[in-house]
Amino acid sequence: MFKLNQKVWSFVYGWGVIERIIPTDTFPIKVYFDTEARESYTEYGVAYPNQNQTLFHDEVIFKIPSEPKPDLKKGDPLIVGGEYRRYFSHWEEDKAACFENGLTEWTSSGGVRYWGSYRLPTEEELGNEEI
């Protein structure tokens, strides 16, 4: 239940305060926001008919999941750092560990470098000279 002078939060406007409640209105909750916007809501926190609640008693925080990692095997080619061709070794948290200087597990002494920026090579890149 929303109350007069209550601090509220909106997905659209951020923080605000309920400045009036007019029980006879279709949208009785009148909010003045820190952004100087004003908006009216139903007693359920809905600003427009047939929409979901956008006004809340506290800030709603979303944790956006990280993008799923590609399913890579040791030795798979990657483009790292935007332009460098490397062979995948393993995952280290969210970073791709790749053998240094384009070496492979067969030619490397085990040295790897960690890359936060990586992508799979295109078909065209795979068709070019050896990675």
Protein backbone atom coordinates (compact mmCIF):
# COMPACT_ATOMS: atom_id res chain seq x y z
CA MET A 1 0.00 0.00 0.00
CA PHE A 2 1.35 3.39 -1.00
CA LYS A 3 1.14 6.34 1.43
CA LEU A 4 1.36 10.11 1.22
CA ASN A 5 4.96 11.47 1.38
CA GLN A 6 6.35 7.97 0.91
CA LYS A 7 9.63 7.67 -0.98
CA VAL A 8 9.12 5.44 -4.04
CA TRP A 9 11.12 4.20 -7.03
CA SER A 10 10.16 3.87 -10.69
CA PHE A 11 11.84 1.98 -13.54
CA VAL A 12 11.27 5.03 -15.73
CA TYR A 13 11.97 8.01 -13.45
CA GLY A 14 14.04 6.71 -10.54
CA TRP A 15 13.35 8.05 -7.03
CA GLY A 16 10.39 10.21 -6.13
CA VAL A 17 7.87 11.03 -3.41
CA ILE A 18 4.12 10.53 -3.36
CA GLU A 19 2.83 14.11 -3.25
CA ARG A 20 -0.92 13.44 -3.45
CA ILE A 21 -3.44 10.63 -3.29
CA ILE A 22 -6.81 11.24 -4.92
CA PRO A 23 -8.94 8.17 -4.12
CA THR A 24 -11.59 8.97 -6.77
CA ASP A 25 -9.09 8.99 -9.68
CA THR A 26 -8.40 5.94 -11.84
CA PHE A 27 -4.72 6.65 -11.17
CA PRO A 28 -4.91 8.02 -7.60
CA ILE A 29 -1.20 7.96 -6.66
CA LYS A 30 0.52 11.22 -7.75
CA VAL A 31 4.31 11.11 -7.65
CA TYR A 32 6.86 13.89 -8.01
CA PHE A 33 10.26 12.52 -9.05
CA ASP A 34 13.79 13.76 -8.40
CA THR A 35 14.04 14.27 -12.18
CA GLU A 36 11.20 16.85 -11.80
CA ALA A 37 8.81 14.58 -13.69
CA ARG A 38 5.31 13.92 -12.41
CA GLU A 39 3.36 10.72 -12.99
CA SER A 40 0.13 9.10 -11.79
CA TYR A 41 -0.24 5.46 -10.78
CA THR A 42 -2.89 2.99 -9.68
CA GLU A 43 -2.78 1.64 -6.14
CA TYR A 44 -0.80 -1.28 -7.68
CA GLY A 45 1.98 0.94 -9.04
CA VAL A 46 0.79 0.80 -12.67
CA ALA A 47 1.13 3.97 -14.77
CA TYR A 48 -0.75 2.92 -17.91
CA PRO A 49 -3.69 0.55 -18.51
CA ASN A 50 -2.79 -3.08 -19.29
CA GLN A 51 0.83 -2.68 -18.26
CA ASN A 52 2.99 -4.10 -15.48
CA GLN A 53 3.87 -2.43 -12.21
CA THR A 54 6.63 0.19 -12.56
CA LEU A 55 6.37 1.96 -9.18
CA PHE A 56 7.83 0.27 -6.10
CA HIS A 57 8.52 0.89 -2.41
CA ASP A 58 12.26 0.44 -3.02
CA GLU A 59 14.71 0.29 -5.90
CA VAL A 60 14.53 -2.88 -7.96
CA ILE A 61 18.00 -4.12 -8.90
CA PHE A 62 18.56 -6.63 -11.65
CA LYS A 63 21.59 -8.88 -11.92
CA ILE A 64 22.12 -9.38 -15.61
CA PRO A 65 23.67 -12.78 -16.26
CA SER A 66 26.88 -12.84 -18.21
CA GLU A 67 26.76 -14.09 -21.75
CA PRO A 68 27.31 -17.85 -21.95
CA LYS A 69 30.85 -18.83 -22.87
CA PRO A 70 31.39 -20.62 -26.17
CA ASP A 71 31.87 -24.37 -25.85
CA LEU A 72 35.60 -24.53 -26.58
CA LYS A 73 38.11 -27.36 -26.48
CA LYS A 74 41.84 -26.99 -25.94
CA GLY A 75 43.39 -25.98 -29.25
CA ASP A 76 40.29 -24.32 -30.75
CA PRO A 77 41.12 -21.09 -32.60
CA LEU A 78 40.02 -17.71 -31.22
CA ILE A 79 40.41 -14.09 -32.18
CA VAL A 80 41.49 -12.20 -29.05
CA GLY A 81 42.07 -8.54 -28.32
CA GLY A 82 40.10 -7.70 -31.47
CA GLU A 83 42.74 -8.94 -33.93
CA TYR A 84 45.14 -11.57 -32.60
CA ARG A 85 44.84 -15.20 -33.66
CA ARG A 86 45.40 -17.57 -30.76
CA TYR A 87 44.63 -21.12 -29.68
CA PHE A 88 42.39 -21.70 -26.67
CA SER A 89 43.79 -23.40 -23.56
CA HIS A 90 41.17 -23.07 -20.79
CA TRP A 91 38.79 -20.70 -18.99
CA GLU A 92 39.98 -18.63 -16.05
CA GLU A 93 36.82 -17.09 -14.60
CA ASP A 94 35.42 -15.00 -17.50
CA LYS A 95 38.70 -14.81 -19.40
CA ALA A 96 39.90 -17.07 -22.19
CA ALA A 97 43.39 -18.40 -21.52
CA CYS A 98 45.20 -18.81 -24.83
CA PHE A 99 48.63 -20.12 -25.68
CA GLU A 100 51.06 -17.25 -26.25
CA ASN A 101 52.03 -15.95 -29.68
CA GLY A 102 49.87 -18.38 -31.64
CA LEU A 103 51.58 -21.46 -30.22
CA THR A 104 49.61 -24.61 -29.44
CA GLU A 105 49.74 -27.07 -26.57
CA TRP A 106 52.19 -29.09 -28.73
CA THR A 107 54.57 -26.20 -29.34
CA SER A 108 54.12 -24.14 -26.16
CA SER A 109 56.05 -24.52 -22.94
CA GLY A 110 52.72 -24.00 -21.19
CA GLY A 111 52.67 -20.20 -21.15
CA VAL A 112 49.23 -18.66 -21.56
CA ARG A 113 47.82 -15.17 -21.64
CA TYR A 114 44.34 -14.24 -20.37
CA TRP A 115 41.96 -12.37 -22.64
CA GLY A 116 38.71 -10.68 -21.64
CA SER A 117 38.00 -9.77 -25.25
CA TYR A 118 37.57 -12.78 -27.50
CA ARG A 119 35.38 -14.13 -30.26
CA LEU A 120 35.16 -17.13 -32.53
CA PRO A 121 36.83 -16.64 -35.91
CA THR A 122 34.64 -16.25 -38.98
CA GLU A 123 34.60 -18.89 -41.73
CA GLU A 124 36.60 -16.48 -43.84
CA GLU A 125 39.24 -16.11 -41.13
CA LEU A 126 39.45 -19.88 -40.73
CA GLY A 127 39.92 -20.30 -44.49
CA ASN A 128 42.89 -17.91 -44.58
CA GLU A 129 46.46 -18.76 -43.71
CA GLU A 130 47.09 -20.75 -40.58
CA ILE A 131 46.21 -19.09 -37.30
